[in-house]
Amino acid sequence: MKTRLLLKSTILLLLFAISGFFMSCSQPSGDIKLFKAEMGRNKWGYIDIKGRIIIKPQFELAGDFSDGLAPVKKDDKWVFIDKKGKTIIDCQFEYIDVFSDGLASIKQNNLYGYVDTAGEIVIQPQFSMAQAFSDGLARVRTGISNNKREGFIDKTGNFVIEPNFDAAWNFADGLARVWIDQKYGFIDKTGKIVIEPQLAVVDDFSEGLARIIIDNLHGYIDRTGKIVIEPRFIFAGPFSEGFAVAKISENGKSRWGYIDKTGKFAIEPHYEETGSFSEGLGPVKLNGEWGYIDKTGNMVIEPKFHNVGGFIHGLAFLVTGDFPDGKKGYINMSGEIVFLE
């Protein structure tokens, strides 16, 4: 039951962490920020913040810009392009990821390694899974099926934290979640266990707190593992910009609002649904439509959209209707649609 609840909560929050799937934007050198956008079935291109098409739709898949480059798939082949759409690195790999800390994971002959921004393999493909580098460390997996183990390597490919874990997750707030003997715990960047494996359901840390689920109710622990917000919510999300979405039931009716780090409602629960704050705005649902409020609870973009995501560098993803009829696009922080497929 707890596993199903965590899965449900993860799916619910997915749209508001939208940059990982529907929407992403670059942090490239220079002033231009590009957003990938789907323009027709399996045709991806890139737009700017005003919704102007900068790189025409021509890719089967497209990834984030990082270090001035983005991975794209065209004609069943992965390459890296620059912000003019020019191929900079012509790869012969089965898969490539975005650059992070100057390296990108690649897949070759069903094994993962890393390339640099010149396209040179700097860590030979040897892992059964390899994640992006962050703060000099990357999570990798050795072995498969029942023999798989996970740990963390540095940018030379050497293990800094040996693959001693059944499963591990990326570092967040300086701690990484690990799975040992059917329980979750946390390690620091030296590999030391700082919160003993004792939790059945827990999320990664965000702004110093991690969500837990006990007896189907959601609460939070601090970095010592102490429960600081008692599990009392039907649902709660990760903290973002000082607030977390939270759901309660009153008189048989479920309502959503936002709590602060004391566990008190900073914005009262009178919404049908809410999403995480980003860039000062939080998505809220009223009468079946989505809009945005500020941190005082004032409605700044009236509810009029079928579905939306969080703002990232001034744009938020939107969907105009149910699949397959709904169109995907972006709105700006004034609530204006700047792009629609």
Protein backbone atom coordinates (compact mmCIF):
# COMPACT_ATOMS: atom_id res chain seq x y z
CA MET A 1 0.00 0.00 0.00
CA LYS A 2 2.77 2.44 0.93
CA THR A 3 4.60 1.71 -2.32
CA ARG A 4 1.44 2.46 -4.28
CA LEU A 5 0.96 5.71 -2.38
CA LEU A 6 4.49 6.84 -3.11
CA LEU A 7 4.05 5.97 -6.77
CA LYS A 8 0.81 7.96 -6.87
CA SER A 9 2.46 10.95 -5.22
CA THR A 10 5.39 10.78 -7.62
CA ILE A 11 3.05 10.79 -10.61
CA LEU A 12 1.07 13.67 -9.14
CA LEU A 13 4.19 15.78 -8.75
CA LEU A 14 5.63 14.87 -12.13
CA LEU A 15 3.89 17.63 -14.03
CA PHE A 16 5.17 20.23 -11.60
CA ALA A 17 8.68 19.00 -12.01
CA ILE A 18 7.99 19.35 -15.69
CA SER A 19 11.46 20.20 -16.85
CA GLY A 20 12.45 16.55 -16.75
CA PHE A 21 9.93 15.45 -19.39
CA PHE A 22 7.64 17.89 -21.18
CA MET A 23 9.66 21.02 -20.77
CA SER A 24 13.24 21.96 -20.35
CA CYS A 25 15.25 25.09 -20.83
CA SER A 26 18.90 25.79 -21.19
CA GLN A 27 21.35 27.54 -18.99
CA PRO A 28 23.65 28.20 -21.95
CA SER A 29 26.45 30.67 -22.28
CA GLY A 30 25.24 34.01 -23.55
CA ASP A 31 21.82 35.51 -23.15
CA ILE A 32 19.69 33.08 -25.16
CA LYS A 33 17.62 30.55 -23.25
CA LEU A 34 16.02 27.85 -25.36
CA PHE A 35 13.07 25.61 -24.54
CA LYS A 36 12.46 22.33 -26.30
CA ALA A 37 9.00 22.03 -27.78
CA GLU A 38 7.09 19.30 -29.56
CA MET A 39 5.65 20.58 -32.83
CA GLY A 40 3.66 17.72 -34.27
CA ARG A 41 4.01 14.01 -33.65
CA ASN A 42 7.63 13.09 -32.85
CA LYS A 43 8.91 16.41 -34.16
CA TRP A 44 10.87 18.46 -31.67
CA GLY A 45 12.49 21.84 -32.05
CA TYR A 46 13.46 24.76 -29.83
CA ILE A 47 11.80 28.08 -29.05
CA ASP A 48 12.89 31.18 -27.15
CA ILE A 49 11.09 32.80 -24.23
CA LYS A 50 8.81 34.71 -26.60
CA GLY A 51 7.70 31.51 -28.31
CA ARG A 52 9.63 32.14 -31.51
CA ILE A 53 10.95 29.02 -33.22
CA ILE A 54 14.75 29.22 -33.10
CA ILE A 55 15.54 25.68 -34.24
CA LYS A 56 12.90 24.24 -36.54
CA PRO A 57 11.17 20.95 -35.63
CA GLN A 58 13.22 18.12 -37.07
CA PHE A 59 14.17 15.85 -34.19
CA GLU A 60 12.59 12.62 -32.96
CA LEU A 61 13.72 13.45 -29.42
CA ALA A 62 15.36 16.50 -27.89
CA GLY A 63 17.12 17.20 -24.60
CA ASP A 64 18.20 20.15 -22.51
CA PHE A 65 20.92 22.57 -23.47
CA SER A 66 23.85 22.46 -21.08
CA ASP A 67 27.37 23.79 -21.66
CA GLY A 68 25.95 25.20 -24.90
CA LEU A 69 25.04 21.78 -26.30
CA ALA A 70 21.88 19.67 -26.45
CA PRO A 71 21.43 15.98 -27.30
CA VAL A 72 18.95 15.28 -30.09
CA LYS A 73 17.88 12.23 -32.01
CA LYS A 74 17.38 12.46 -35.76
CA ASP A 75 17.05 9.64 -38.28
CA ASP A 76 17.44 7.19 -35.39
CA LYS A 77 20.85 8.69 -34.53
CA TRP A 78 21.98 10.76 -31.54
CA VAL A 79 24.08 13.92 -31.96
CA PHE A 80 24.84 17.08 -29.99
CA ILE A 81 23.78 20.41 -31.49
CA ASP A 82 24.55 24.03 -30.64
CA LYS A 83 21.97 26.79 -30.28
CA LYS A 84 21.93 27.35 -34.01
CA GLY A 85 20.91 23.74 -34.60
CA LYS A 86 24.32 22.83 -36.01
CA THR A 87 25.71 19.36 -35.28
CA ILE A 88 28.78 19.79 -33.09
CA ILE A 89 29.39 16.22 -31.93
CA ASP A 90 28.40 13.39 -34.26
CA CYS A 91 27.97 10.40 -31.96
CA GLN A 92 27.81 6.69 -32.67
CA PHE A 93 26.12 5.82 -29.40
CA GLU A 94 22.85 4.11 -28.59
CA TYR A 95 21.92 6.90 -26.18
CA ILE A 96 23.36 10.20 -24.94
CA ASP A 97 22.31 12.35 -21.99
CA VAL A 98 22.65 16.08 -21.34
CA PHE A 99 25.95 17.52 -20.16
CA SER A 100 26.40 18.10 -16.46
CA ASP A 101 29.66 19.22 -14.87
CA GLY A 102 31.19 19.02 -18.34
CA LEU A 103 30.43 15.33 -18.93
CA ALA A 104 27.50 13.46 -20.50
CA SER A 105 26.63 9.81 -20.03
CA ILE A 106 26.49 7.66 -23.15
CA LYS A 107 25.41 4.13 -23.97
CA GLN A 108 27.51 1.87 -26.16
CA ASN A 109 27.01 -1.89 -26.58
CA ASN A 110 24.50 -1.81 -23.69
CA LEU A 111 27.04 -0.30 -21.29
CA TYR A 112 27.27 3.26 -20.02
CA GLY A 113 30.23 5.63 -19.85
CA TYR A 114 30.90 9.35 -20.29
CA VAL A 115 32.08 11.77 -22.96
CA ASP A 116 33.39 15.34 -22.65
CA THR A 117 32.20 18.35 -24.64
CA ALA A 118 34.62 17.45 -27.44
CA GLY A 119 32.87 14.11 -27.85
CA GLU A 120 35.82 12.14 -26.50
CA ILE A 121 35.13 9.14 -24.27
CA VAL A 122 36.72 9.99 -20.92
CA ILE A 123 35.15 7.18 -18.86
CA GLN A 124 34.88 3.95 -20.80
CA PRO A 125 31.44 2.29 -21.06
CA GLN A 126 31.46 -0.25 -18.22
CA PHE A 127 28.33 0.39 -16.14
CA SER A 128 24.84 -1.04 -16.46
CA MET A 129 23.47 2.43 -15.57
CA ALA A 130 25.07 5.87 -15.27
CA GLN A 131 23.47 9.10 -14.09
CA ALA A 132 24.49 12.72 -14.58
CA PHE A 133 27.34 14.24 -12.57
CA SER A 134 26.45 16.66 -9.80
CA ASP A 135 28.97 18.30 -7.49
CA GLY A 136 31.66 16.04 -8.91
CA LEU A 137 29.87 12.72 -8.28
CA ALA A 138 27.73 10.47 -10.47
CA ARG A 139 25.58 7.51 -9.46
CA VAL A 140 26.35 4.33 -11.38
CA ARG A 141 25.28 0.70 -11.31
CA THR A 142 27.34 -2.44 -11.71
CA GLY A 143 25.84 -5.80 -12.60
CA ILE A 144 22.26 -6.57 -13.60
CA SER A 145 19.14 -8.14 -12.11
CA ASN A 146 19.82 -9.71 -8.72
CA ASN A 147 23.53 -8.88 -8.94
CA LYS A 148 23.15 -5.13 -9.44
CA ARG A 149 24.84 -2.78 -6.95
CA GLU A 150 25.02 1.01 -6.93
CA GLY A 151 27.62 3.54 -5.84
CA PHE A 152 29.18 6.86 -6.87
CA ILE A 153 32.19 7.68 -9.07
CA ASP A 154 34.26 10.83 -9.57
CA LYS A 155 35.10 12.40 -12.94
CA THR A 156 38.04 10.07 -13.42
CA GLY A 157 35.69 7.08 -13.26
CA ASN A 158 37.00 5.89 -9.91
CA PHE A 159 34.61 4.88 -7.14
CA VAL A 160 34.45 7.44 -4.35
CA ILE A 161 31.59 5.55 -2.70
CA GLU A 162 31.84 1.84 -3.41
CA PRO A 163 28.83 0.07 -5.04
CA ASN A 164 27.64 -1.51 -1.82
CA PHE A 165 23.98 -0.56 -2.07
CA ASP A 166 21.00 -2.47 -3.41
CA ALA A 167 19.85 0.87 -4.85
CA ALA A 168 20.81 4.51 -4.45
CA TRP A 169 19.47 7.87 -5.51
CA ASN A 170 21.19 11.09 -6.55
CA PHE A 171 22.51 13.47 -3.91
CA ALA A 172 20.12 16.22 -2.85
CA ASP A 173 20.92 18.73 -0.13
CA GLY A 174 24.21 16.90 0.37
CA LEU A 175 22.59 13.55 1.20
CA ALA A 176 21.75 10.53 -0.94
CA ARG A 177 18.98 8.05 -0.28
CA VAL A 178 20.07 4.39 -0.22
CA TRP A 179 18.19 1.09 -0.01
CA ILE A 180 19.62 -1.46 2.39
CA ASP A 181 17.85 -4.60 3.59
CA GLN A 182 14.44 -3.39 2.44
CA LYS A 183 14.72 -0.03 4.23
CA TYR A 184 15.73 3.50 3.25
CA GLY A 185 18.58 5.41 4.85
CA PHE A 186 20.84 8.30 3.85
CA ILE A 187 24.57 8.69 3.26
CA ASP A 188 26.79 11.77 2.98
CA LYS A 189 29.35 12.39 0.23
CA THR A 190 31.97 10.31 2.00
CA GLY A 191 29.63 7.32 1.94
CA LYS A 192 29.01 7.48 5.67
CA ILE A 193 25.51 6.47 6.76
CA VAL A 194 24.06 9.51 8.52
CA ILE A 195 20.46 8.27 8.80
CA GLU A 196 20.23 4.56 9.50
CA PRO A 197 18.12 2.42 7.15
CA GLN A 198 14.83 2.40 9.06
CA LEU A 199 12.28 4.03 6.79
CA ALA A 200 9.80 2.14 4.62
CA VAL A 201 8.84 5.15 2.49
CA VAL A 202 10.83 8.39 2.19
CA ASP A 203 11.70 10.92 -0.50
CA ASP A 204 14.92 12.77 -1.19
CA PHE A 205 15.74 15.86 0.85
CA SER A 206 14.61 19.24 -0.39
CA GLU A 207 15.36 22.46 1.48
CA GLY A 208 16.47 20.48 4.51
CA LEU A 209 13.41 18.24 4.87
CA ALA A 210 12.41 14.87 3.40
CA ARG A 211 8.88 13.58 3.13
CA ILE A 212 7.99 10.31 4.85
CA ILE A 213 4.84 8.18 4.81
CA ILE A 214 3.75 6.34 7.95
CA ASP A 215 0.40 4.58 8.15
CA ASN A 216 -0.61 6.22 4.84
CA LEU A 217 -0.07 9.73 6.22
CA HIS A 218 2.62 12.16 5.05
CA GLY A 219 5.07 14.06 7.25
CA TYR A 220 8.73 15.15 7.23
CA ILE A 221 12.09 14.38 8.79
CA ASP A 222 15.14 16.63 9.13
CA ARG A 223 18.73 15.78 8.20
CA THR A 224 19.24 13.91 11.47
CA GLY A 225 16.28 11.61 10.76
CA LYS A 226 14.10 13.25 13.40
CA ILE A 227 10.41 13.67 12.60
CA VAL A 228 9.84 17.43 12.61
CA ILE A 229 6.41 17.52 10.97
CA GLU A 230 4.19 14.71 12.19
CA PRO A 231 2.55 12.56 9.51
CA ARG A 232 -0.98 13.97 9.31
CA PHE A 233 -1.53 14.85 5.66
CA ILE A 234 -3.27 12.71 3.06
CA PHE A 235 -0.63 13.90 0.64
CA ALA A 236 2.36 16.23 0.81
CA GLY A 237 5.11 17.16 -1.63
CA PRO A 238 8.73 18.28 -1.46
CA PHE A 239 9.52 21.76 -0.22
CA SER A 240 10.17 24.39 -2.87
CA GLU A 241 10.76 28.06 -2.18
CA GLY A 242 9.80 27.53 1.45
CA PHE A 243 6.44 25.87 0.79
CA ALA A 244 5.16 22.35 0.21
CA VAL A 245 1.85 21.27 -1.26
CA ALA A 246 -0.36 19.46 1.26
CA LYS A 247 -3.73 17.75 1.09
CA ILE A 248 -6.18 17.23 3.93
CA SER A 249 -9.71 15.94 4.26
CA GLU A 250 -12.39 17.90 6.10
CA ASN A 251 -15.97 16.72 6.38
CA GLY A 252 -15.29 14.10 3.77
CA LYS A 253 -13.96 16.64 1.28
CA SER A 254 -10.35 16.79 0.14
CA ARG A 255 -8.69 20.19 -0.15
CA TRP A 256 -5.19 21.35 -1.04
CA GLY A 257 -3.03 24.20 0.24
CA TYR A 258 0.58 25.02 1.10
CA ILE A 259 2.41 24.43 4.37
CA ASP A 260 5.55 26.06 5.72
CA LYS A 261 8.45 24.28 7.42
CA THR A 262 6.66 24.25 10.76
CA GLY A 263 3.89 22.17 9.19
CA LYS A 264 1.33 24.96 9.44
CA PHE A 265 -0.74 26.06 6.48
CA ALA A 266 0.78 29.27 5.12
CA ILE A 267 -1.82 29.28 2.33
CA GLU A 268 -5.10 27.76 3.46
CA PRO A 269 -6.35 24.54 1.85
CA HIS A 270 -9.26 25.65 -0.29
CA TYR A 271 -8.05 24.44 -3.68
CA GLU A 272 -8.97 21.34 -5.64
CA GLU A 273 -5.28 20.69 -6.27
CA THR A 274 -1.95 22.51 -6.05
CA GLY A 275 1.55 22.25 -7.51
CA SER A 276 4.97 23.23 -6.22
CA PHE A 277 6.04 26.88 -6.20
CA SER A 278 8.64 27.94 -8.76
CA GLU A 279 9.81 31.44 -9.59
CA GLY A 280 7.44 32.80 -6.99
CA LEU A 281 4.23 31.30 -8.39
CA GLY A 282 2.26 28.20 -7.43
CA PRO A 283 -0.17 26.36 -9.74
CA VAL A 284 -3.64 25.94 -8.24
CA LYS A 285 -6.83 24.32 -9.49
CA LEU A 286 -10.28 25.82 -8.97
CA ASN A 287 -13.52 24.76 -10.66
CA GLY A 288 -11.62 22.32 -12.83
CA GLU A 289 -9.18 24.87 -14.26
CA TRP A 290 -5.60 25.83 -13.38
CA GLY A 291 -4.15 29.22 -12.59
CA TYR A 292 -1.34 30.60 -10.41
CA ILE A 293 -1.07 32.33 -7.05
CA ASP A 294 1.78 34.23 -5.43
CA LYS A 295 3.19 33.47 -1.99
CA THR A 296 0.59 35.61 -0.26
CA GLY A 297 -2.18 33.52 -1.83
CA ASN A 298 -3.25 36.21 -4.31
CA MET A 299 -4.40 34.92 -7.69
CA VAL A 300 -2.06 36.42 -10.30
CA ILE A 301 -3.05 34.26 -13.28
CA GLU A 302 -6.73 33.40 -13.29
CA PRO A 303 -7.69 29.69 -13.52
CA LYS A 304 -8.40 29.10 -17.21
CA PHE A 305 -6.06 26.31 -18.30
CA HIS A 306 -6.75 22.59 -18.56
CA ASN A 307 -3.37 21.60 -17.12
CA VAL A 308 -0.12 23.38 -16.37
CA GLY A 309 3.35 22.94 -14.92
CA GLY A 310 5.71 25.08 -12.89
CA PHE A 311 7.56 28.09 -14.28
CA ILE A 312 11.15 27.64 -15.42
CA HIS A 313 13.01 30.73 -16.59
CA GLY A 314 9.79 32.58 -17.28
CA LEU A 315 7.74 29.94 -19.09
CA ALA A 316 5.42 27.18 -17.91
CA PHE A 317 4.16 24.17 -19.81
CA LEU A 318 0.44 23.86 -20.54
CA VAL A 319 -1.99 21.39 -22.06
CA THR A 320 -5.24 22.67 -23.58
CA GLY A 321 -7.27 19.47 -23.22
CA ASP A 322 -7.34 15.73 -22.66
CA PHE A 323 -5.22 13.38 -24.73
CA PRO A 324 -5.22 13.05 -27.71
CA ASP A 325 -7.05 16.28 -28.54
CA GLY A 326 -5.22 18.60 -26.16
CA LYS A 327 -2.40 20.72 -27.53
CA LYS A 328 0.86 21.39 -25.69
CA GLY A 329 2.46 24.77 -25.35
CA TYR A 330 3.83 27.42 -23.00
CA ILE A 331 2.57 30.45 -21.12
CA ASN A 332 4.57 33.36 -19.75
CA MET A 333 4.31 34.84 -16.27
CA SER A 334 1.54 37.16 -17.42
CA GLY A 335 -0.59 34.16 -18.33
CA GLU A 336 -0.22 34.73 -22.07
CA ILE A 337 0.14 31.74 -24.37
CA VAL A 338 3.42 32.31 -26.22
CA PHE A 339 3.56 28.98 -28.03
CA LEU A 340 1.05 26.27 -28.98
CA GLU A 341 1.91 23.26 -31.11
